[in-house]
């Protein structure tokens, strides 16, 4: 089982920034692959909503 970010020596801000950067890269890669922008948004929106609601990094 993976260690929480705080016990691994990473701050919440760092892991949160990493999560958002990774999500942006995922969106870019799917867009570059030719998916319609609305499809990419539908895939990412629920993940971002959960992240914002619980203020946790998945």
C-alpha atoms as a PDB file:
ATOM      1  CA  UNK A   1       0.000   0.000   0.000  1.00  0.00           C
ATOM      2  CA  UNK A   2       1.322   3.433  -0.909  1.00  0.00           C
ATOM      3  CA  UNK A   3       2.261   5.834   1.835  1.00  0.00           C
ATOM      4  CA  UNK A   4       0.273   9.051   2.187  1.00  0.00           C
ATOM      5  CA  UNK A   5       2.013  12.067   0.711  1.00  0.00           C
ATOM      6  CA  UNK A   6       2.730  13.573   4.134  1.00  0.00           C
ATOM      7  CA  UNK A   7       4.571  10.489   5.405  1.00  0.00           C
ATOM      8  CA  UNK A   8       6.528  10.165   2.181  1.00  0.00           C
ATOM      9  CA  UNK A   9       8.048  13.605   2.813  1.00  0.00           C
ATOM     10  CA  UNK A  10       5.922  15.437   0.246  1.00  0.00           C
ATOM     11  CA  UNK A  11       3.750  18.344   1.176  1.00  0.00           C
ATOM     12  CA  UNK A  12       0.055  18.354   0.280  1.00  0.00           C
ATOM     13  CA  UNK A  13       0.714  21.303  -2.016  1.00  0.00           C
ATOM     14  CA  UNK A  14       3.390  19.360  -3.886  1.00  0.00           C
ATOM     15  CA  UNK A  15       1.250  16.267  -4.359  1.00  0.00           C
ATOM     16  CA  UNK A  16      -1.738  18.441  -5.291  1.00  0.00           C
ATOM     17  CA  UNK A  17       0.344  20.273  -7.871  1.00  0.00           C
ATOM     18  CA  UNK A  18       1.608  16.960  -9.227  1.00  0.00           C
ATOM     19  CA  UNK A  19      -1.985  15.676  -9.498  1.00  0.00           C
ATOM     20  CA  UNK A  20      -3.132  18.762 -11.412  1.00  0.00           C
ATOM     21  CA  UNK A  21      -0.085  18.650 -13.707  1.00  0.00           C
ATOM     22  CA  UNK A  22      -0.684  14.975 -14.430  1.00  0.00           C
ATOM     23  CA  UNK A  23      -4.363  15.623 -15.139  1.00  0.00           C
ATOM     24  CA  UNK A  24      -3.462  18.440 -17.536  1.00  0.00           C
ATOM     25  CA  UNK A  25      -0.973  16.176 -19.326  1.00  0.00           C
ATOM     26  CA  UNK A  26      -3.643  13.470 -19.598  1.00  0.00           C
ATOM     27  CA  UNK A  27      -6.036  15.975 -21.145  1.00  0.00           C
ATOM     28  CA  UNK A  28      -3.361  17.152 -23.568  1.00  0.00           C
ATOM     29  CA  UNK A  29      -2.487  13.577 -24.610  1.00  0.00           C
ATOM     30  CA  UNK A  30      -6.132  12.659 -25.197  1.00  0.00           C
ATOM     31  CA  UNK A  31      -6.637  15.876 -27.168  1.00  0.00           C
ATOM     32  CA  UNK A  32      -3.522  15.165 -29.254  1.00  0.00           C
ATOM     33  CA  UNK A  33      -4.907  11.675 -29.943  1.00  0.00           C
ATOM     34  CA  UNK A  34      -7.891  13.314 -31.614  1.00  0.00           C
ATOM     35  CA  UNK A  35     -10.668  12.969 -29.039  1.00  0.00           C
ATOM     36  CA  UNK A  36     -13.290  15.662 -29.134  1.00  0.00           C
ATOM     37  CA  UNK A  37     -12.686  18.265 -26.391  1.00  0.00           C
ATOM     38  CA  UNK A  38     -16.088  17.550 -24.836  1.00  0.00           C
ATOM     39  CA  UNK A  39     -15.166  13.860 -24.480  1.00  0.00           C
ATOM     40  CA  UNK A  40     -11.922  14.737 -22.720  1.00  0.00           C
ATOM     41  CA  UNK A  41     -13.788  17.104 -20.388  1.00  0.00           C
ATOM     42  CA  UNK A  42     -16.360  14.398 -19.567  1.00  0.00           C
ATOM     43  CA  UNK A  43     -13.562  11.986 -18.619  1.00  0.00           C
ATOM     44  CA  UNK A  44     -11.711  14.423 -16.359  1.00  0.00           C
ATOM     45  CA  UNK A  45     -14.573  16.428 -14.816  1.00  0.00           C
ATOM     46  CA  UNK A  46     -15.719  13.786 -12.259  1.00  0.00           C
ATOM     47  CA  UNK A  47     -12.151  13.272 -11.025  1.00  0.00           C
ATOM     48  CA  UNK A  48     -11.626  17.010 -10.554  1.00  0.00           C
ATOM     49  CA  UNK A  49     -14.998  17.391  -8.796  1.00  0.00           C
ATOM     50  CA  UNK A  50     -14.100  14.676  -6.286  1.00  0.00           C
ATOM     51  CA  UNK A  51     -10.676  16.261  -5.775  1.00  0.00           C
ATOM     52  CA  UNK A  52     -12.245  19.667  -5.083  1.00  0.00           C
ATOM     53  CA  UNK A  53     -15.060  18.318  -2.887  1.00  0.00           C
ATOM     54  CA  UNK A  54     -12.876  16.251  -0.558  1.00  0.00           C
ATOM     55  CA  UNK A  55      -9.758  18.425  -0.945  1.00  0.00           C
ATOM     56  CA  UNK A  56      -7.716  15.246  -1.325  1.00  0.00           C
ATOM     57  CA  UNK A  57      -5.402  14.005  -4.019  1.00  0.00           C
ATOM     58  CA  UNK A  58      -6.655  10.728  -5.489  1.00  0.00           C
END
